[in-house]
């Protein structure tokens, strides 16, 4: 066969073997497979999005693979490029397209691919250190699954946690060759008349994550940030946090999460970021966004997901506030440098929609060490005693409701930002901006946007907002007068509903993430598109599942299609979308003519 995409076969018996019958039958069931054209490598993806690389053939139960995770469950598709130098994988559930680069071992750098493989060179799948219908309803502009709806099957959680108990049981029974049951299709297998040489060694080359197409912005808001030190953009995609330099067209990855990343925040001045994921016991990772190395990892303090994070604005970034998705939407305040929990408190049953750390001199009371939450019908300030260090048992929190006026209709408040004049600004569902002076409402700007204000951010130059009306607006901080307006609909955005905005005043750049998993970047002085004729600086699939993947037989391109009814053509070398076509309906498969 010209290709090998069937998950059943003589050469795949080992891939179905002991590694996939750990503690329960078919825990990690193979769903996708691709063989390189020279029949030296096998790449597989299971129903939990885990990628494994094998030496061909993997026909023995003792065959060994290397694995890596970049996609949220389940996997969508996987294919080798026509030159065998790259691997393309897609996530069915997250819509992410990952482009992997196969790198030869250092001792074979000067050898050709053929000479390396003639010596029995095996490939390694290595986790590189730097890797990795808009509606005016509240459900369309927040993470649509919350609370108990985020609970998932025990098998999926076991896969995310790498099933350590099952691995232990596997080692205990390692001498028993017959414990893995024979599947019905295996009894019918017949070896080829001239079978290739069996290779049981771990593959020896390595695979590096080179590029990710798409940003998670269809169901979360405000998760796009500039790194002040480098000007790179940080955003979640699948199980990684992407650090993208749009000018040089390169990406790096923070890949310390086992679950889907749903929240990212950065400190205002220090090169520090924090991210949270979605799983039964989510993880919070504090990391250096220059080196992408983790500084602290916190686990077991939340349930289901960590969807909001914020650093304290002091020069040391002493505190980190995290909000979980348990029934009480618990807030945990960490003194993260000392591994201390300063305070822990339930917030309320209604899901908070944005989080902001308070600042000294903003008129929020004694100590002024606290954070602000907004949500459906509320804006609350939480004060805590930040002087107790690690004495979490003695730390106290106190909640104060900020008044929005007796004649104002209660509605969802979606985003928070500070102005330079010590004012808090809150964006609402009806498109109004509420400006506070301390705890009291100062002024309402009723028609800031024609639709919901989904995200807001501030810089020394003022305030930036974006909304479901497809507009991005920059405002003067003194009087909230508009200074620049950008209409994403006129630029060709597929779904112009803007979900996140970030402003780098130093480099005069504004970036926006849309509902259609696109990132657009503009010059903050005149609103010109930095992407030029290429449109957005990043594209991706959105809405529903992503299944179809086909690699061009001769050109360095590949095609994808999915439930968003879009057929997209991507350039492997340019790492961007080169063309697209709108289909009449959702698509599940595509193929190039040979």
Protein backbone atom coordinates (compact mmCIF):
# COMPACT_ATOMS: atom_id res chain seq x y z
CA UNK A 1 0.00 0.00 0.00
CA UNK A 2 1.10 3.56 -0.73
CA UNK A 3 0.00 4.57 2.77
CA UNK A 4 -0.63 2.75 6.04
CA UNK A 5 -3.57 4.26 7.92
CA UNK A 6 -5.42 1.18 9.19
CA UNK A 7 -5.02 0.66 12.94
CA UNK A 8 -5.21 -3.16 12.56
CA UNK A 9 -2.29 -5.07 11.08
CA UNK A 10 0.67 -7.36 11.61
CA UNK A 11 3.04 -4.39 11.93
CA UNK A 12 0.93 -2.82 14.73
CA UNK A 13 0.50 -5.73 17.14
CA UNK A 14 3.02 -4.25 19.56
CA UNK A 15 1.30 -0.87 19.49
CA UNK A 16 -1.85 -2.64 20.71
CA UNK A 17 0.09 -4.68 23.24
CA UNK A 18 0.95 -4.31 26.90
CA UNK A 19 1.11 -0.53 26.84
CA UNK A 20 -2.59 -0.26 26.03
CA UNK A 21 -4.01 -2.86 28.43
CA UNK A 22 -2.75 -1.42 31.69
CA UNK A 23 -5.50 -1.46 34.27
CA UNK A 24 -8.58 -1.71 32.08
CA UNK A 25 -9.17 -3.07 28.57
CA UNK A 26 -8.52 -0.58 25.78
CA UNK A 27 -7.63 2.24 28.14
CA UNK A 28 -5.61 3.91 25.38
CA UNK A 29 -7.20 2.47 22.28
CA UNK A 30 -5.43 3.22 19.00
CA UNK A 31 -7.52 5.32 16.67
CA UNK A 32 -5.02 6.74 14.18
CA UNK A 33 -1.84 5.53 12.55
CA UNK A 34 0.53 6.72 9.85
CA UNK A 35 3.67 5.12 8.44
CA UNK A 36 6.52 7.06 6.88
CA UNK A 37 7.00 6.47 3.17
CA UNK A 38 10.28 4.67 3.70
CA UNK A 39 8.61 2.28 6.19
CA UNK A 40 11.02 3.22 8.97
CA UNK A 41 8.61 4.91 11.38
CA UNK A 42 5.10 4.45 12.71
CA UNK A 43 3.18 7.27 14.39
CA UNK A 44 0.03 6.46 16.35
CA UNK A 45 -2.55 8.51 18.23
CA UNK A 46 -4.99 7.11 20.77
CA UNK A 47 -8.48 8.13 21.81
CA UNK A 48 -7.04 10.45 24.47
CA UNK A 49 -4.89 12.49 22.09
CA UNK A 50 -1.55 10.91 23.04
CA UNK A 51 0.99 10.56 20.20
CA UNK A 52 3.48 7.68 20.08
CA UNK A 53 6.36 7.09 17.71
CA UNK A 54 7.54 3.54 16.97
CA UNK A 55 10.25 1.91 14.90
CA UNK A 56 8.68 0.00 12.01
CA UNK A 57 7.44 -2.69 12.42
CA UNK A 58 5.95 -2.57 15.95
CA UNK A 59 4.83 -6.20 15.79
CA UNK A 60 6.15 -7.39 19.16
CA UNK A 61 4.60 -6.85 22.55
CA UNK A 62 8.05 -5.75 23.74
CA UNK A 63 8.28 -2.91 21.19
CA UNK A 64 9.04 0.42 22.86
CA UNK A 65 7.80 3.86 21.89
CA UNK A 66 8.24 7.45 22.95
CA UNK A 67 5.15 9.53 23.60
CA UNK A 68 4.16 13.14 23.78
CA UNK A 69 0.95 15.04 24.35
CA UNK A 70 -0.01 18.22 22.52
CA UNK A 71 -3.73 17.72 21.92
CA UNK A 72 -6.81 17.64 24.09
CA UNK A 73 -8.71 14.37 23.85
CA UNK A 74 -9.65 12.91 21.48
CA UNK A 75 -7.18 12.81 18.59
CA UNK A 76 -8.30 13.80 15.11
CA UNK A 77 -5.75 12.64 12.53
CA UNK A 78 -2.04 12.10 11.96
CA UNK A 79 0.09 11.98 8.80
CA UNK A 80 3.75 12.10 7.77
CA UNK A 81 4.71 14.77 5.24
CA UNK A 82 5.73 13.60 1.79
CA UNK A 83 9.45 14.12 2.50
CA UNK A 84 9.32 12.20 5.78
CA UNK A 85 10.90 15.13 7.64
CA UNK A 86 7.73 16.28 9.39
CA UNK A 87 4.64 14.91 11.05
CA UNK A 88 1.25 16.64 11.10
CA UNK A 89 -1.31 15.90 13.82
CA UNK A 90 -4.74 17.33 14.55
CA UNK A 91 -6.93 17.33 17.65
CA UNK A 92 -10.52 16.38 17.04
CA UNK A 93 -11.74 18.04 20.23
CA UNK A 94 -9.53 21.16 20.38
CA UNK A 95 -9.23 22.00 16.65
CA UNK A 96 -5.46 22.41 17.02
CA UNK A 97 -3.10 21.52 14.16
CA UNK A 98 0.42 20.62 15.33
CA UNK A 99 3.42 20.47 12.99
CA UNK A 100 6.29 18.33 14.28
CA UNK A 101 9.85 18.30 12.93
CA UNK A 102 11.80 15.02 12.89
CA UNK A 103 15.36 15.72 14.01
CA UNK A 104 18.20 13.22 13.49
CA UNK A 105 20.48 12.31 16.43
CA UNK A 106 23.44 14.59 17.03
CA UNK A 107 25.91 11.85 16.11
CA UNK A 108 24.25 11.53 12.69
CA UNK A 109 23.92 15.23 11.88
CA UNK A 110 26.38 14.98 8.98
CA UNK A 111 24.88 11.81 7.59
CA UNK A 112 22.06 11.60 5.12
CA UNK A 113 18.70 10.19 6.09
CA UNK A 114 19.36 7.02 4.09
CA UNK A 115 22.76 6.33 5.60
CA UNK A 116 21.41 6.95 9.09
CA UNK A 117 18.58 4.53 8.61
CA UNK A 118 20.72 1.92 6.90
CA UNK A 119 22.66 1.75 10.13
CA UNK A 120 19.47 0.90 11.97
CA UNK A 121 18.96 4.42 13.26
CA UNK A 122 15.76 4.59 15.25
CA UNK A 123 13.56 7.62 15.88
CA UNK A 124 12.73 9.26 19.21
CA UNK A 125 9.59 11.16 20.06
CA UNK A 126 11.10 13.51 22.59
CA UNK A 127 9.43 16.24 24.58
CA UNK A 128 11.76 19.17 23.86
CA UNK A 129 12.54 21.44 26.77
CA UNK A 130 11.19 24.46 24.88
CA UNK A 131 8.04 22.72 23.68
CA UNK A 132 5.12 21.88 23.67
CA UNK A 133 -22.45 32.05 15.90
CA UNK A 134 -22.01 34.86 18.17
CA UNK A 135 -24.98 35.16 20.54
CA UNK A 136 -25.83 37.81 23.09
CA UNK A 137 -26.18 35.04 25.63
CA UNK A 138 -23.83 34.60 28.55
CA UNK A 139 -23.25 31.01 27.44
CA UNK A 140 -21.63 32.11 24.17
CA UNK A 141 -19.00 34.37 25.72
CA UNK A 142 -17.72 32.35 28.66
CA UNK A 143 -16.32 28.86 29.06
CA UNK A 144 -19.59 27.12 28.23
CA UNK A 145 -18.87 24.16 30.50
CA UNK A 146 -18.62 24.97 34.18
CA UNK A 147 -18.99 23.23 37.52
CA UNK A 148 -20.11 19.62 37.35
CA UNK A 149 -20.36 19.79 33.55
CA UNK A 150 -16.56 19.64 33.46
CA UNK A 151 -16.50 16.20 35.11
CA UNK A 152 -15.15 13.58 32.70
CA UNK A 153 -14.81 9.83 32.50
CA UNK A 154 -12.44 8.04 34.85
CA UNK A 155 -10.62 6.56 31.84
CA UNK A 156 -9.87 9.99 30.42
CA UNK A 157 -8.62 11.26 33.77
CA UNK A 158 -6.46 8.12 34.11
CA UNK A 159 -4.93 8.83 30.72
CA UNK A 160 -4.24 12.46 31.62
CA UNK A 161 -2.53 11.40 34.83
CA UNK A 162 -0.48 8.83 32.83
CA UNK A 163 -2.06 5.97 34.83
CA UNK A 164 0.87 5.59 37.23
CA UNK A 165 -0.85 2.88 39.27
CA UNK A 166 -1.48 0.89 36.13
CA UNK A 167 2.16 1.23 35.11
CA UNK A 168 3.19 -0.14 38.49
CA UNK A 169 0.90 -3.15 38.05
CA UNK A 170 2.34 -3.69 34.59
CA UNK A 171 5.87 -3.86 35.98
CA UNK A 172 4.73 -6.27 38.71
CA UNK A 173 3.43 -8.64 36.06
CA UNK A 174 6.26 -8.10 33.63
CA UNK A 175 7.35 -11.75 33.63
CA UNK A 176 3.94 -13.02 32.61
CA UNK A 177 3.90 -12.99 28.81
CA UNK A 178 0.31 -14.15 28.52
CA UNK A 179 -1.52 -11.60 30.66
CA UNK A 180 -2.48 -9.44 27.64
CA UNK A 181 -5.56 -10.94 26.00
CA UNK A 182 -5.44 -11.75 22.31
CA UNK A 183 -7.86 -9.68 20.29
CA UNK A 184 -10.02 -11.41 17.66
CA UNK A 185 -8.38 -9.67 14.70
CA UNK A 186 -4.91 -10.71 15.91
CA UNK A 187 -5.78 -14.39 15.46
CA UNK A 188 -6.30 -13.76 11.74
CA UNK A 189 -2.98 -12.02 11.12
CA UNK A 190 -0.41 -13.53 8.78
CA UNK A 191 3.12 -12.20 8.59
CA UNK A 192 4.36 -10.91 5.20
CA UNK A 193 6.25 -13.40 3.04
CA UNK A 194 9.33 -11.22 3.44
CA UNK A 195 8.85 -9.46 6.76
CA UNK A 196 11.12 -6.52 7.58
CA UNK A 197 13.71 -6.87 10.31
CA UNK A 198 12.22 -6.57 13.76
CA UNK A 199 13.48 -3.62 15.81
CA UNK A 200 12.67 -3.58 19.50
CA UNK A 201 14.87 -0.62 20.44
CA UNK A 202 13.53 2.76 21.40
CA UNK A 203 13.42 5.04 18.33
CA UNK A 204 16.54 7.17 18.32
CA UNK A 205 15.77 10.39 16.44
CA UNK A 206 13.68 13.02 18.14
CA UNK A 207 10.55 14.88 17.18
CA UNK A 208 10.21 18.57 18.04
CA UNK A 209 7.01 20.55 18.06
CA UNK A 210 7.63 23.18 15.40
CA UNK A 211 4.35 25.07 14.99
CA UNK A 212 0.77 25.11 16.25
CA UNK A 213 -2.10 26.47 14.16
CA UNK A 214 -5.04 27.79 16.17
CA UNK A 215 -5.72 29.43 19.52
CA UNK A 216 -8.27 28.40 22.13
CA UNK A 217 -10.66 31.34 21.95
CA UNK A 218 -13.97 29.78 20.99
CA UNK A 219 -15.02 29.06 24.58
CA UNK A 220 -12.73 31.19 26.79
CA UNK A 221 -12.06 34.93 26.86
CA UNK A 222 -9.12 37.15 27.68
CA UNK A 223 -6.42 34.50 27.26
CA UNK A 224 -3.98 36.43 25.06
CA UNK A 225 -1.02 38.40 26.43
CA UNK A 226 2.13 40.14 25.26
CA UNK A 227 5.43 39.31 26.95
CA UNK A 228 6.85 42.68 27.92
CA UNK A 229 10.44 41.43 27.74
CA UNK A 230 10.32 40.03 24.20
CA UNK A 231 7.07 41.16 22.60
CA UNK A 232 6.02 37.56 22.01
CA UNK A 233 2.37 36.57 22.23
CA UNK A 234 1.29 34.00 24.82
CA UNK A 235 -1.89 31.96 24.34
CA UNK A 236 -3.28 28.46 25.07
CA UNK A 237 -3.75 25.81 22.39
CA UNK A 238 -4.52 22.21 23.26
CA UNK A 239 -2.27 21.08 26.10
CA UNK A 240 0.46 23.67 25.55
CA UNK A 241 1.01 27.39 26.04
CA UNK A 242 2.38 28.93 22.85
CA UNK A 243 4.93 31.74 22.84
CA UNK A 244 4.79 33.18 19.30
CA UNK A 245 7.05 35.76 17.68
CA UNK A 246 4.84 36.95 14.83
CA UNK A 247 7.61 39.02 13.24
CA UNK A 248 10.09 36.16 12.87
CA UNK A 249 7.39 33.48 12.45
CA UNK A 250 8.61 31.15 15.16
CA UNK A 251 6.96 29.54 18.16
CA UNK A 252 8.13 28.05 21.43
CA UNK A 253 6.10 25.95 23.82
CA UNK A 254 5.55 25.47 27.54
CA UNK A 255 4.39 21.86 27.83
CA UNK A 256 4.21 21.13 31.55
CA UNK A 257 0.43 20.58 31.54
CA UNK A 258 -1.22 17.17 31.19
CA UNK A 259 -4.71 18.64 30.75
CA UNK A 260 -6.11 21.24 28.37
CA UNK A 261 -4.79 24.71 29.16
CA UNK A 262 -7.68 27.13 29.76
CA UNK A 263 -6.02 30.09 31.50
CA UNK A 264 -2.81 32.10 31.14
CA UNK A 265 -1.67 35.30 32.86
CA UNK A 266 1.58 37.30 32.87
CA UNK A 267 3.07 39.74 35.35
CA UNK A 268 3.18 43.40 34.32
CA UNK A 269 6.95 43.82 34.60
CA UNK A 270 8.62 40.52 35.54
CA UNK A 271 9.18 37.70 32.98
CA UNK A 272 6.82 35.44 34.92
CA UNK A 273 3.66 33.69 33.68
CA UNK A 274 1.15 31.30 35.21
CA UNK A 275 -1.21 28.85 33.54
CA UNK A 276 -4.00 26.53 34.64
CA UNK A 277 -5.56 23.48 33.04
CA UNK A 278 -8.74 21.43 32.93
CA UNK A 279 -8.83 17.99 34.59
CA UNK A 280 -10.19 16.37 37.75
CA UNK A 281 -7.33 17.83 39.85
CA UNK A 282 -6.03 20.71 37.74
CA UNK A 283 -2.46 21.96 37.84
CA UNK A 284 -1.24 25.55 38.16
CA UNK A 285 2.26 26.13 36.74
CA UNK A 286 4.27 29.29 37.42
CA UNK A 287 7.02 29.63 34.82
CA UNK A 288 9.59 31.93 33.29
CA UNK A 289 8.31 32.99 29.86
CA UNK A 290 11.85 33.70 28.61
CA UNK A 291 13.31 30.26 29.37
CA UNK A 292 9.92 28.46 29.49
CA UNK A 293 11.12 26.66 32.61
CA UNK A 294 8.66 25.99 35.47
CA UNK A 295 9.32 27.78 38.77
CA UNK A 296 6.51 26.28 40.86
CA UNK A 297 3.82 23.66 40.29
CA UNK A 298 0.66 23.55 42.42
CA UNK A 299 -1.76 20.64 42.29
CA UNK A 300 -4.63 19.45 44.48
CA UNK A 301 -5.94 22.88 45.47
CA UNK A 302 -8.77 23.02 42.92
CA UNK A 303 -11.24 20.74 41.16
CA UNK A 304 -12.26 20.44 37.50
CA UNK A 305 -10.44 23.50 36.14
CA UNK A 306 -8.49 26.65 36.95
CA UNK A 307 -10.01 29.22 34.64
CA UNK A 308 -8.84 32.53 36.18
CA UNK A 309 -5.38 33.63 37.43
CA UNK A 310 -3.81 36.93 38.47
CA UNK A 311 -0.46 38.06 39.90
CA UNK A 312 -0.11 40.83 42.46
CA UNK A 313 1.37 43.94 40.76
CA UNK A 314 4.28 44.41 43.21
CA UNK A 315 7.85 44.21 41.97
CA UNK A 316 8.28 40.68 43.33
CA UNK A 317 4.94 39.33 42.10
CA UNK A 318 4.55 37.93 45.59
CA UNK A 319 0.99 36.65 45.36
CA UNK A 320 -0.88 34.58 42.80
CA UNK A 321 -4.68 34.28 42.95
CA UNK A 322 -6.35 31.30 41.28
CA UNK A 323 -10.06 30.55 40.85
CA UNK A 324 -11.25 26.95 40.49
CA UNK A 325 -14.37 25.47 38.92
CA UNK A 326 -15.71 23.57 41.92
CA UNK A 327 -19.27 24.22 43.09
CA UNK A 328 -18.12 27.13 45.29
CA UNK A 329 -15.66 28.56 42.71
CA UNK A 330 -12.92 28.50 45.35
CA UNK A 331 -10.21 31.16 45.35
CA UNK A 332 -6.70 30.26 46.55
CA UNK A 333 -4.06 32.94 47.22
CA UNK A 334 -0.49 31.64 46.97
CA UNK A 335 2.76 33.14 48.14
CA UNK A 336 4.15 31.12 45.27
CA UNK A 337 7.86 31.82 45.78
CA UNK A 338 7.68 30.22 49.25
CA UNK A 339 5.16 27.49 48.36
CA UNK A 340 2.69 28.92 50.85
CA UNK A 341 -1.08 29.17 50.74
CA UNK A 342 -1.89 32.56 52.26
CA UNK A 343 -5.66 32.20 52.13
CA UNK A 344 -8.38 30.00 50.69
CA UNK A 345 -12.03 30.97 50.40
CA UNK A 346 -15.18 30.07 48.52
CA UNK A 347 -16.43 32.92 46.36
CA UNK A 348 -19.99 32.14 45.23
CA UNK A 349 -22.04 29.69 43.19
CA UNK A 350 -22.37 32.00 40.20
CA UNK A 351 -19.27 31.59 38.05
CA UNK A 352 -16.80 34.52 38.15
CA UNK A 353 -16.06 35.78 34.65
CA UNK A 354 -12.93 37.86 35.22
CA UNK A 355 -10.29 38.44 37.89
CA UNK A 356 -8.06 41.40 38.65
CA UNK A 357 -5.60 41.98 41.50
CA UNK A 358 -6.06 45.22 43.42
CA UNK A 359 -3.40 47.92 43.52
CA UNK A 360 -2.28 50.24 46.36
CA UNK A 361 -3.91 53.63 46.39
CA UNK A 362 -7.04 52.61 44.52
CA UNK A 363 -9.40 53.28 47.45
CA UNK A 364 -10.42 49.73 48.30
CA UNK A 365 -9.87 49.81 52.05
CA UNK A 366 -7.34 48.97 54.75
CA UNK A 367 -4.31 47.07 53.56
CA UNK A 368 -5.62 47.14 50.00
CA UNK A 369 -4.30 43.65 49.42
CA UNK A 370 -6.97 41.78 47.55
CA UNK A 371 -8.60 40.98 44.23
CA UNK A 372 -11.73 41.86 42.29
CA UNK A 373 -14.15 39.40 40.69
CA UNK A 374 -16.98 40.14 38.29
CA UNK A 375 -19.75 37.91 36.98
CA UNK A 376 -23.45 37.61 36.36
CA UNK A 377 -24.88 40.60 38.23
CA UNK A 378 -21.97 41.28 40.59
CA UNK A 379 -18.63 43.03 41.02
CA UNK A 380 -16.97 41.98 44.29
CA UNK A 381 -13.77 43.07 46.00
CA UNK A 382 -12.05 40.48 48.23
CA UNK A 383 -9.60 41.70 50.82
CA UNK A 384 -7.15 39.36 52.54
CA UNK A 385 -4.41 39.65 55.11
CA UNK A 386 -1.24 39.28 53.08
CA UNK A 387 1.14 39.59 56.04
CA UNK A 388 0.60 36.13 57.47
CA UNK A 389 3.05 34.44 55.16
CA UNK A 390 2.47 30.73 55.30
CA UNK A 391 0.05 30.84 58.21
CA UNK A 392 -2.92 30.00 56.02
CA UNK A 393 -4.99 28.99 59.05
CA UNK A 394 -4.87 32.57 60.36
CA UNK A 395 -5.32 34.40 57.07
CA UNK A 396 -8.72 36.01 56.59
CA UNK A 397 -10.71 37.22 53.60
CA UNK A 398 -13.56 39.69 53.39
CA UNK A 399 -15.89 40.38 50.46
CA UNK A 400 -17.36 43.80 49.58
CA UNK A 401 -19.90 44.33 46.81
CA UNK A 402 -19.23 47.29 44.52
CA UNK A 403 -22.37 49.34 43.84
CA UNK A 404 -23.55 49.73 40.25
CA UNK A 405 -26.40 52.14 40.96
CA UNK A 406 -29.98 51.56 42.02
CA UNK A 407 -31.41 52.22 38.58
CA UNK A 408 -28.97 50.01 36.71
CA UNK A 409 -30.23 46.68 35.50
CA UNK A 410 -28.31 43.70 36.86
CA UNK A 411 -26.47 41.97 34.02
CA UNK A 412 -23.35 39.90 33.44
CA UNK A 413 -20.14 41.89 33.90
CA UNK A 414 -17.51 40.27 31.69
CA UNK A 415 -14.13 41.98 32.07
CA UNK A 416 -12.03 44.19 34.35
CA UNK A 417 -9.15 46.64 33.81
CA UNK A 418 -7.33 49.45 35.62
CA UNK A 419 -6.92 53.00 34.34
CA UNK A 420 -3.88 55.08 35.21
CA UNK A 421 -6.03 57.51 37.21
CA UNK A 422 -6.74 54.89 39.90
CA UNK A 423 -10.06 53.96 38.31
CA UNK A 424 -11.46 50.48 37.85
CA UNK A 425 -13.27 49.86 34.55
CA UNK A 426 -15.80 47.05 34.08
CA UNK A 427 -17.15 45.86 30.72
CA UNK A 428 -20.74 44.60 30.53
CA UNK A 429 -22.92 42.39 28.38
CA UNK A 430 -24.91 45.31 26.95
CA UNK A 431 -21.75 47.05 25.67
CA UNK A 432 -21.45 49.61 28.48
CA UNK A 433 -18.29 50.55 30.34
CA UNK A 434 -18.62 51.21 34.09
CA UNK A 435 -15.93 53.39 35.65
CA UNK A 436 -15.44 53.20 39.42
CA UNK A 437 -13.70 55.57 41.80
CA UNK A 438 -12.71 53.31 44.66
CA UNK A 439 -15.74 51.21 45.56
CA UNK A 440 -18.25 53.66 44.14
CA UNK A 441 -19.58 53.98 40.61
CA UNK A 442 -18.23 57.14 39.00
CA UNK A 443 -19.63 57.15 35.46
CA UNK A 444 -21.27 54.87 32.90
CA UNK A 445 -20.40 54.94 29.19
CA UNK A 446 -23.51 53.23 27.80
CA UNK A 447 -22.60 52.65 24.14
CA UNK A 448 -18.92 51.80 24.21
CA UNK A 449 -19.68 48.75 22.02
CA UNK A 450 -22.79 47.65 20.13
CA UNK A 451 -22.51 44.21 21.68
CA UNK A 452 -20.97 42.60 24.73
CA UNK A 453 -17.51 43.78 25.82
CA UNK A 454 -15.68 40.49 26.00
CA UNK A 455 -12.21 41.63 27.10
CA UNK A 456 -10.35 44.73 28.25
CA UNK A 457 -6.73 45.54 28.99
CA UNK A 458 -4.86 48.68 29.96
CA UNK A 459 -1.44 50.17 29.34
CA UNK A 460 0.24 53.49 29.96
CA UNK A 461 -1.47 54.82 26.87
CA UNK A 462 -5.01 54.02 27.94
CA UNK A 463 -7.56 51.24 27.65
CA UNK A 464 -8.18 48.64 24.92
CA UNK A 465 -11.50 46.82 24.59
CA UNK A 466 -12.96 44.30 22.17
CA UNK A 467 -16.45 42.95 21.75
CA UNK A 468 -18.93 40.74 19.98
CA UNK A 469 -19.68 43.58 17.53
CA UNK A 470 -16.32 42.89 15.85
CA UNK A 471 -14.73 46.18 16.93
CA UNK A 472 -11.47 46.80 18.77
CA UNK A 473 -11.27 50.21 20.40
CA UNK A 474 -8.45 52.11 22.10
CA UNK A 475 -9.48 54.76 24.66
CA UNK A 476 -7.71 57.63 26.37
CA UNK A 477 -7.31 56.81 30.04
CA UNK A 478 -8.14 60.32 31.28
CA UNK A 479 -11.68 60.68 29.91
CA UNK A 480 -12.32 57.39 28.08
CA UNK A 481 -12.58 59.14 24.74
CA UNK A 482 -12.00 56.79 21.76
CA UNK A 483 -8.67 57.32 20.01
CA UNK A 484 -8.61 54.37 17.55
CA UNK A 485 -11.21 52.00 16.15
CA UNK A 486 -10.60 48.78 14.19
CA UNK A 487 -13.41 46.85 12.47
CA UNK A 488 -12.45 43.18 12.17
CA UNK A 489 -15.35 42.55 9.79
CA UNK A 490 -13.74 44.72 7.12
CA UNK A 491 -10.50 42.76 7.38
CA UNK A 492 -12.03 39.38 6.52
CA UNK A 493 -12.29 37.75 9.94
CA UNK A 494 -14.45 34.63 9.61
CA UNK A 495 -16.17 35.30 12.93
CA UNK A 496 -15.41 38.85 13.99
CA UNK A 497 -16.53 38.33 17.60
CA UNK A 498 -13.38 39.35 19.50
CA UNK A 499 -12.63 37.22 22.57
CA UNK A 500 -9.30 38.63 23.81
CA UNK A 501 -7.21 41.77 23.39
CA UNK A 502 -3.70 42.73 24.53
CA UNK A 503 -1.72 45.96 24.08
CA UNK A 504 2.05 46.34 23.92
CA UNK A 505 2.58 50.08 24.22
CA UNK A 506 6.37 49.81 24.04
CA UNK A 507 6.25 48.27 20.55
CA UNK A 508 2.98 49.97 19.54
CA UNK A 509 1.18 46.69 18.91
CA UNK A 510 -2.36 45.50 19.63
CA UNK A 511 -3.33 41.84 19.19
CA UNK A 512 -6.82 40.33 19.13
CA UNK A 513 -8.09 36.73 19.25
CA UNK A 514 -11.45 36.03 17.62
CA UNK A 515 -14.13 33.41 18.02
CA UNK A 516 -12.87 31.79 14.78
CA UNK A 517 -9.48 30.93 16.37
CA UNK A 518 -7.63 33.70 14.56
CA UNK A 519 -5.09 36.16 15.97
CA UNK A 520 -4.87 39.57 14.34
CA UNK A 521 -2.11 42.07 15.10
CA UNK A 522 -2.28 45.82 14.47
CA UNK A 523 -0.15 48.93 14.76
CA UNK A 524 -1.53 50.81 17.76
CA UNK A 525 -0.75 54.19 16.19
CA UNK A 526 -2.82 53.91 13.01
CA UNK A 527 -4.63 50.53 13.16
CA UNK A 528 -2.80 49.09 10.15
CA UNK A 529 -2.71 45.30 9.91
CA UNK A 530 0.73 43.94 10.77
CA UNK A 531 -0.09 40.74 8.88
CA UNK A 532 -0.53 42.72 5.66
CA UNK A 533 -1.76 40.65 2.73
CA UNK A 534 -1.68 37.49 4.82
CA UNK A 535 -4.49 38.79 7.02
CA UNK A 536 -4.34 37.26 10.48
CA UNK A 537 -0.97 36.27 11.92
CA UNK A 538 -2.47 32.95 13.02
CA UNK A 539 -5.41 30.91 11.71
CA UNK A 540 -7.16 27.81 12.99
CA UNK A 541 -10.30 25.70 12.78
CA UNK A 542 -13.17 26.49 15.11
CA UNK A 543 -16.59 25.16 16.00
CA UNK A 544 -17.18 21.42 16.34
CA UNK A 545 -14.64 18.71 15.58
CA UNK A 546 -11.60 18.56 13.30
CA UNK A 547 -11.14 15.29 11.38
CA UNK A 548 -9.91 15.70 7.81
CA UNK A 549 -6.16 15.77 7.07
CA UNK A 550 -4.30 15.04 3.85
CA UNK A 551 -0.68 15.77 2.88
CA UNK A 552 0.10 16.93 -0.65
CA UNK A 553 1.95 14.17 -2.58
CA UNK A 554 4.65 16.50 -3.95
CA UNK A 555 4.35 20.05 -2.57
CA UNK A 556 5.18 21.08 1.04
CA UNK A 557 1.52 21.59 1.84
CA UNK A 558 -1.33 19.84 3.60
CA UNK A 559 -5.11 20.22 3.73
CA UNK A 560 -7.55 20.05 6.65
CA UNK A 561 -11.34 20.19 6.99
CA UNK A 562 -13.79 19.98 9.87
CA UNK A 563 -17.15 20.81 11.34
CA UNK A 564 -16.63 24.53 10.67
CA UNK A 565 -17.31 23.74 6.97
CA UNK A 566 -13.90 25.09 5.97
CA UNK A 567 -11.32 23.45 3.69
CA UNK A 568 -7.93 24.97 4.47
CA UNK A 569 -4.56 24.62 2.72
CA UNK A 570 -1.45 25.12 4.84
CA UNK A 571 2.19 25.71 3.92
CA UNK A 572 4.63 23.55 5.86
CA UNK A 573 7.62 25.83 5.29
CA UNK A 574 5.84 29.20 5.67
CA UNK A 575 3.80 27.84 8.61
CA UNK A 576 0.67 29.71 7.63
CA UNK A 577 -2.65 29.25 5.86
CA UNK A 578 -2.22 29.87 2.12
CA UNK A 579 -5.87 29.54 1.01
CA UNK A 580 -9.27 28.37 2.18
CA UNK A 581 -12.65 27.48 0.75
CA UNK A 582 -16.06 27.54 2.41
CA UNK A 583 -17.90 24.24 2.01
CA UNK A 584 -21.64 23.70 1.89
CA UNK A 585 -21.59 21.62 5.05
CA UNK A 586 -19.34 20.08 7.68
CA UNK A 587 -16.62 17.74 6.40
CA UNK A 588 -14.93 14.74 8.00
CA UNK A 589 -12.33 13.67 5.40
CA UNK A 590 -10.25 15.07 2.54
CA UNK A 591 -7.64 13.61 0.17
CA UNK A 592 -5.32 14.85 -2.54
CA UNK A 593 -5.35 13.14 -5.92
CA UNK A 594 -2.08 11.18 -6.28
